[in-house]
Protein backbone atom coordinates (compact mmCIF):
# COMPACT_ATOMS: atom_id res chain seq x y z
CA UNK A 1 68.09 3.83 5.78
CA UNK A 2 69.17 0.94 3.56
CA UNK A 3 67.98 -0.03 0.14
CA UNK A 4 64.95 -2.33 -0.10
CA UNK A 5 65.41 -6.05 -0.51
CA UNK A 6 64.00 -6.87 -3.95
CA UNK A 7 63.66 -10.20 -5.67
CA UNK A 8 65.85 -10.84 -8.69
CA UNK A 9 63.56 -13.59 -9.94
CA UNK A 10 62.28 -12.79 -13.45
CA UNK A 11 58.85 -13.89 -12.17
CA UNK A 12 58.67 -10.87 -9.88
CA UNK A 13 59.29 -7.86 -12.12
CA UNK A 14 58.84 -6.18 -15.49
CA UNK A 15 61.22 -3.65 -17.00
CA UNK A 16 59.84 -0.29 -18.13
CA UNK A 17 61.34 2.41 -20.30
CA UNK A 18 59.78 5.52 -21.75
CA UNK A 19 60.94 7.93 -24.41
CA UNK A 20 59.95 11.54 -23.92
CA UNK A 21 60.00 14.87 -25.68
CA UNK A 22 61.97 16.53 -22.87
CA UNK A 23 62.47 16.27 -19.12
CA UNK A 24 59.35 17.99 -17.72
CA UNK A 25 56.49 15.51 -17.42
CA UNK A 26 53.80 18.18 -17.23
CA UNK A 27 55.08 20.11 -20.26
CA UNK A 28 56.65 17.48 -22.54
CA UNK A 29 54.98 14.59 -24.31
CA UNK A 30 55.39 10.93 -23.46
CA UNK A 31 56.39 9.60 -26.89
CA UNK A 32 56.59 5.87 -26.21
CA UNK A 33 56.11 3.25 -23.54
CA UNK A 34 58.04 -0.02 -23.62
CA UNK A 35 57.91 -2.99 -21.27
CA UNK A 36 59.64 -6.33 -21.08
CA UNK A 37 58.43 -9.30 -19.05
CA UNK A 38 61.69 -11.22 -18.62
CA UNK A 39 60.32 -14.64 -17.65
CA UNK A 40 58.43 -15.18 -20.91
CA UNK A 41 59.98 -12.51 -23.15
CA UNK A 42 56.70 -10.67 -23.70
CA UNK A 43 57.31 -7.17 -25.06
CA UNK A 44 55.19 -4.06 -25.32
CA UNK A 45 56.42 -1.18 -27.45
CA UNK A 46 53.96 1.62 -28.19
CA UNK A 47 54.26 5.07 -29.74
CA UNK A 48 51.88 7.77 -28.51
CA UNK A 49 50.71 10.92 -30.31
CA UNK A 50 51.85 14.43 -29.48
CA UNK A 51 49.38 16.39 -27.39
CA UNK A 52 51.48 18.89 -25.41
CA UNK A 53 54.08 19.84 -28.00
CA UNK A 54 53.83 20.76 -31.67
CA UNK A 55 56.93 18.84 -32.76
CA UNK A 56 59.40 16.19 -31.59
CA UNK A 57 62.45 17.88 -30.07
CA UNK A 58 64.37 14.78 -28.96
CA UNK A 59 64.83 12.90 -32.24
CA UNK A 60 68.62 13.14 -31.94
CA UNK A 61 68.40 11.30 -28.58
CA UNK A 62 65.68 8.70 -29.06
CA UNK A 63 65.32 8.50 -32.85
CA UNK A 64 61.57 9.16 -32.73
CA UNK A 65 60.24 11.47 -35.43
CA UNK A 66 56.92 13.22 -35.87
CA UNK A 67 56.21 10.79 -38.72
CA UNK A 68 56.59 7.84 -36.28
CA UNK A 69 53.78 9.33 -34.18
CA UNK A 70 51.43 10.20 -37.03
CA UNK A 71 48.10 8.41 -36.68
CA UNK A 72 48.95 6.96 -33.26
CA UNK A 73 46.28 7.00 -30.57
CA UNK A 74 46.41 7.52 -26.84
CA UNK A 75 46.02 4.59 -24.49
CA UNK A 76 42.47 3.71 -23.52
CA UNK A 77 41.41 2.33 -20.17
CA UNK A 78 40.71 -1.05 -21.80
CA UNK A 79 44.29 -1.14 -23.12
CA UNK A 80 45.66 -0.24 -19.69
CA UNK A 81 43.55 -3.02 -18.14
CA UNK A 82 44.89 -5.46 -20.75
CA UNK A 83 48.48 -4.42 -19.88
CA UNK A 84 47.82 -5.03 -16.19
CA UNK A 85 46.66 -8.55 -17.05
CA UNK A 86 49.28 -9.45 -19.68
CA UNK A 87 52.22 -8.11 -17.64
CA UNK A 88 50.79 -9.01 -14.20
CA UNK A 89 51.29 -5.41 -13.09
CA UNK A 90 49.26 -5.86 -9.92
CA UNK A 91 51.81 -8.34 -8.57
CA UNK A 92 55.13 -7.41 -10.21
CA UNK A 93 57.59 -4.70 -9.41
CA UNK A 94 58.27 -2.28 -12.27
CA UNK A 95 62.00 -1.72 -12.70
CA UNK A 96 62.95 1.60 -14.27
CA UNK A 97 66.11 3.66 -14.61
CA UNK A 98 65.66 7.06 -13.01
CA UNK A 99 62.57 8.83 -11.77
CA UNK A 100 61.70 10.33 -15.16
CA UNK A 101 59.88 7.16 -16.26
CA UNK A 102 57.60 7.04 -13.21
CA UNK A 103 56.80 10.77 -13.39
CA UNK A 104 55.91 10.64 -17.09
CA UNK A 105 53.65 7.59 -16.60
CA UNK A 106 51.96 9.25 -13.59
CA UNK A 107 51.27 12.50 -15.42
CA UNK A 108 50.16 10.72 -18.61
CA UNK A 109 47.64 8.65 -16.63
CA UNK A 110 46.36 11.77 -14.89
CA UNK A 111 46.14 13.85 -18.07
CA UNK A 112 44.19 11.13 -19.92
CA UNK A 113 41.94 10.05 -17.04
CA UNK A 114 43.38 6.54 -16.82
CA UNK A 115 42.95 4.45 -13.67
CA UNK A 116 45.58 2.16 -12.23
CA UNK A 117 48.67 4.25 -11.59
CA UNK A 118 48.20 3.94 -7.82
CA UNK A 119 48.40 0.15 -8.08
CA UNK A 120 51.79 0.22 -9.82
CA UNK A 121 54.90 -0.44 -7.73
CA UNK A 122 58.00 1.19 -9.18
CA UNK A 123 61.61 0.57 -8.28
CA UNK A 124 64.31 2.89 -9.60
CA UNK A 125 67.26 0.52 -9.93
CA UNK A 126 69.59 3.41 -10.71
CA UNK A 127 69.73 4.05 -6.97
CA UNK A 128 71.36 0.65 -6.45
CA UNK A 129 74.15 1.51 -8.85
CA UNK A 130 74.67 5.05 -7.59
CA UNK A 131 74.86 3.85 -4.01
CA UNK A 132 77.59 1.34 -4.82
CA UNK A 133 80.10 3.85 -6.12
CA UNK A 134 79.89 3.04 -9.85
CA UNK A 135 78.95 6.62 -10.64
CA UNK A 136 81.34 9.43 -11.41
CA UNK A 137 78.49 11.89 -11.86
CA UNK A 138 77.71 10.82 -15.45
CA UNK A 139 75.72 7.66 -14.93
CA UNK A 140 73.88 7.39 -18.24
CA UNK A 141 72.63 4.09 -19.60
CA UNK A 142 75.38 4.26 -22.22
CA UNK A 143 78.08 4.76 -19.58
CA UNK A 144 76.64 1.97 -17.45
CA UNK A 145 76.62 -0.48 -20.36
CA UNK A 146 80.16 0.53 -21.27
CA UNK A 147 81.32 -0.01 -17.67
CA UNK A 148 79.82 -3.53 -17.56
CA UNK A 149 80.94 -4.41 -21.10
CA UNK A 150 77.42 -4.64 -22.52
CA UNK A 151 77.62 -4.33 -26.31
CA UNK A 152 75.04 -3.06 -28.78
CA UNK A 153 74.48 0.30 -27.11
CA UNK A 154 73.96 3.01 -29.67
CA UNK A 155 73.62 6.78 -29.48
CA UNK A 156 69.94 6.62 -30.48
CA UNK A 157 67.71 4.79 -28.02
CA UNK A 158 64.51 2.88 -28.42
CA UNK A 159 62.47 2.01 -25.40
CA UNK A 160 62.31 -1.72 -26.00
CA UNK A 161 66.06 -1.97 -26.63
CA UNK A 162 66.67 -0.11 -23.36
CA UNK A 163 64.40 -2.59 -21.56
CA UNK A 164 66.62 -5.45 -22.64
């Protein structure tokens, strides 16, 4: 089975990245959601409060601290509906890097009673790279950027920077 034929037009997709408090979407918090709409440059970058964990355990990876999350609120259905409209999520493919992003969004929506996840169409573009032989088993975003000569990659990630 071959890979799907996807449009590379910036009118047809948004880029999504999440930062998490671990790798298990049912046990670890979704700390931030970031999106980029490449045709008009619209960005969304949102911290979310802790609700599954007592502390942030991934600060050394993503730079997010407990102080960054203090006073933040969970997404409401109205905010989700506004995102669908602003980012045209009913008609655009959501590009993400690895299945972690999709799983964390799915479980966050379920945990907080948000509607709309079933309407989202995700495409894990990491599978395109892995299938072409660019991977030596350590296909991180940092290694990928290094391979393609993309500068500005740092050890600490932010979701919106990763979307770019």
